[in-house]
Amino acid sequence: MSEFAWSWNEPRPAIDPARFTEHRQETETDLQRAIRYYLEADKKALEEQEAKEEAFFAQSTVGKKLMASLEEAGQREKLAQNIISKRQATEQDPVARAFATLKMFPVYLREPLSRHLSFLRKKTGSRSPERQKELAG
């Protein structure tokens, strides 16, 4: 028998200042193991219950409508991200920016300007690289 009535009444070893910040590995007691086991079992049972409820809800008409609306919302979000990325790419390219601005005009202005811009684009594309450097510099 120990001279102390309970194990927690026994004196603990002194704290070493050099090793104070190190994590001391303590062995897991039976009580801690039981608590961990019950918490894990409770978490697993809760996940199973949620999965059953979700499966039941997905089979109902309201659930099907909700899932369809969530899918549509996801598609809208992807479309919005796609539009944002294209807009950012357009802002960096001056030619794409000109075409994007051109698309905002009414048809009777857009078509002739678009044709003329395409003509100018082809014209600059057919120049020799030396001539383009000469004009740019």
Protein backbone atom coordinates (compact mmCIF):
# COMPACT_ATOMS: atom_id res chain seq x y z
CA MET A 1 0.00 0.00 0.00
CA SER A 2 1.00 3.51 -0.60
CA GLU A 3 1.38 5.94 2.23
CA PHE A 4 -1.16 8.22 0.46
CA ALA A 5 -4.87 7.40 0.44
CA TRP A 6 -5.38 8.37 -3.18
CA SER A 7 -3.01 8.35 -6.12
CA TRP A 8 -3.60 12.03 -6.87
CA ASN A 9 -2.39 12.96 -3.40
CA GLU A 10 1.11 11.73 -4.22
CA PRO A 11 3.65 14.49 -4.76
CA ARG A 12 4.48 15.32 -8.36
CA PRO A 13 8.03 15.73 -9.62
CA ALA A 14 9.41 19.28 -9.60
CA ILE A 15 9.24 21.35 -12.76
CA ASP A 16 12.54 21.64 -14.57
CA PRO A 17 12.82 25.24 -15.90
CA ALA A 18 14.90 24.05 -18.87
CA ARG A 19 12.18 21.64 -19.99
CA PHE A 20 9.13 23.69 -18.90
CA THR A 21 7.92 24.42 -22.45
CA GLU A 22 8.19 20.80 -23.60
CA HIS A 23 4.96 18.85 -23.74
CA ARG A 24 5.00 16.05 -21.22
CA GLN A 25 3.55 12.84 -22.54
CA GLU A 26 1.18 11.42 -19.98
CA THR A 27 -0.34 8.00 -20.23
CA GLU A 28 -4.04 7.85 -20.90
CA THR A 29 -6.09 6.71 -17.93
CA ASP A 30 -9.00 4.31 -18.14
CA LEU A 31 -11.42 7.15 -17.49
CA GLN A 32 -9.95 9.28 -20.28
CA ARG A 33 -10.06 6.30 -22.63
CA ALA A 34 -13.73 5.65 -21.75
CA ILE A 35 -14.65 9.31 -22.24
CA ARG A 36 -12.87 9.37 -25.61
CA TYR A 37 -14.61 6.15 -26.65
CA TYR A 38 -18.06 7.50 -25.74
CA LEU A 39 -17.39 10.81 -27.48
CA GLU A 40 -16.30 9.00 -30.66
CA ALA A 41 -19.32 6.68 -30.50
CA ASP A 42 -21.65 9.66 -29.97
CA LYS A 43 -20.08 11.53 -32.89
CA LYS A 44 -20.40 8.47 -35.14
CA ALA A 45 -24.05 7.95 -34.15
CA LEU A 46 -24.78 11.63 -34.81
CA GLU A 47 -23.18 11.42 -38.27
CA GLU A 48 -25.22 8.30 -39.10
CA GLN A 49 -28.43 10.00 -37.94
CA GLU A 50 -27.67 13.08 -40.04
CA ALA A 51 -26.96 10.89 -43.07
CA LYS A 52 -30.30 9.07 -42.61
CA GLU A 53 -32.17 12.37 -42.23
CA GLU A 54 -30.47 13.81 -45.30
CA ALA A 55 -31.28 10.70 -47.35
CA PHE A 56 -34.92 10.83 -46.23
CA PHE A 57 -35.14 14.55 -46.95
CA ALA A 58 -33.54 14.12 -50.39
CA GLN A 59 -36.30 11.64 -51.31
CA SER A 60 -39.12 14.06 -50.47
CA THR A 61 -40.46 16.55 -53.03
CA VAL A 62 -39.39 19.54 -50.95
CA GLY A 63 -35.92 18.04 -50.63
CA LYS A 64 -35.67 17.46 -54.36
CA LYS A 65 -36.68 21.06 -55.04
CA LEU A 66 -34.17 22.32 -52.50
CA MET A 67 -31.38 20.21 -53.97
CA ALA A 68 -32.24 21.46 -57.47
CA SER A 69 -32.14 25.07 -56.27
CA LEU A 70 -28.80 24.46 -54.54
CA GLU A 71 -27.39 23.01 -57.76
CA GLU A 72 -28.63 26.04 -59.69
CA ALA A 73 -27.06 28.33 -57.10
CA GLY A 74 -23.76 26.48 -57.50
CA GLN A 75 -23.94 26.81 -61.27
CA ARG A 76 -24.70 30.53 -60.94
CA GLU A 77 -21.71 30.91 -58.64
CA LYS A 78 -19.44 29.14 -61.16
CA LEU A 79 -20.80 31.34 -63.94
CA ALA A 80 -20.17 34.47 -61.86
CA GLN A 81 -16.59 33.37 -61.17
CA ASN A 82 -16.10 32.66 -64.87
CA ILE A 83 -17.42 36.11 -65.79
CA ILE A 84 -15.16 37.76 -63.21
CA SER A 85 -12.07 35.94 -64.49
CA LYS A 86 -12.90 36.83 -68.10
CA ARG A 87 -13.47 40.46 -67.13
CA GLN A 88 -10.09 40.58 -65.39
CA ALA A 89 -8.42 39.07 -68.46
CA THR A 90 -10.22 41.59 -70.69
CA GLU A 91 -9.06 44.52 -68.57
CA GLN A 92 -5.43 43.52 -69.13
CA ASP A 93 -5.66 43.12 -72.92
CA PRO A 94 -6.32 46.42 -74.78
CA VAL A 95 -7.71 44.73 -77.90
CA ALA A 96 -10.11 42.60 -75.87
CA ARG A 97 -11.08 45.70 -73.90
CA ALA A 98 -11.88 47.51 -77.17
CA PHE A 99 -14.06 44.61 -78.36
CA ALA A 100 -15.82 44.45 -74.99
CA THR A 101 -16.55 48.18 -75.16
CA LEU A 102 -17.72 47.73 -78.73
CA LYS A 103 -20.24 45.07 -77.66
CA MET A 104 -21.98 47.65 -75.47
CA PHE A 105 -22.84 49.85 -78.46
CA PRO A 106 -26.11 49.45 -80.39
CA VAL A 107 -26.08 47.18 -83.45
CA TYR A 108 -26.02 49.98 -86.03
CA LEU A 109 -22.79 51.32 -84.48
CA ARG A 110 -21.28 48.03 -83.39
CA GLU A 111 -21.21 46.26 -86.77
CA PRO A 112 -19.33 48.88 -88.84
CA LEU A 113 -16.91 49.61 -86.01
CA SER A 114 -16.35 45.90 -85.46
CA ARG A 115 -15.58 45.39 -89.15
CA HIS A 116 -13.18 48.32 -89.15
CA LEU A 117 -11.46 47.10 -85.98
CA SER A 118 -11.09 43.62 -87.50
CA PHE A 119 -9.64 45.19 -90.64
CA LEU A 120 -7.11 47.15 -88.58
CA ARG A 121 -6.25 44.06 -86.58
CA LYS A 122 -5.58 42.06 -89.77
CA LYS A 123 -3.61 44.94 -91.23
CA THR A 124 -1.30 45.16 -88.23
CA GLY A 125 -1.00 41.39 -88.11
CA SER A 126 0.18 41.22 -91.74
CA ARG A 127 3.04 43.66 -91.15
CA SER A 128 6.56 42.39 -90.92
CA PRO A 129 7.99 42.17 -87.39
CA GLU A 130 10.63 44.81 -88.24
CA ARG A 131 7.94 47.27 -89.35
CA GLN A 132 5.91 46.66 -86.17
CA LYS A 133 9.00 47.33 -84.01
CA GLU A 134 9.68 50.45 -86.05
CA LEU A 135 6.15 51.77 -85.53
CA ALA A 136 6.07 50.84 -81.85
CA GLY A 137 9.49 52.33 -81.06
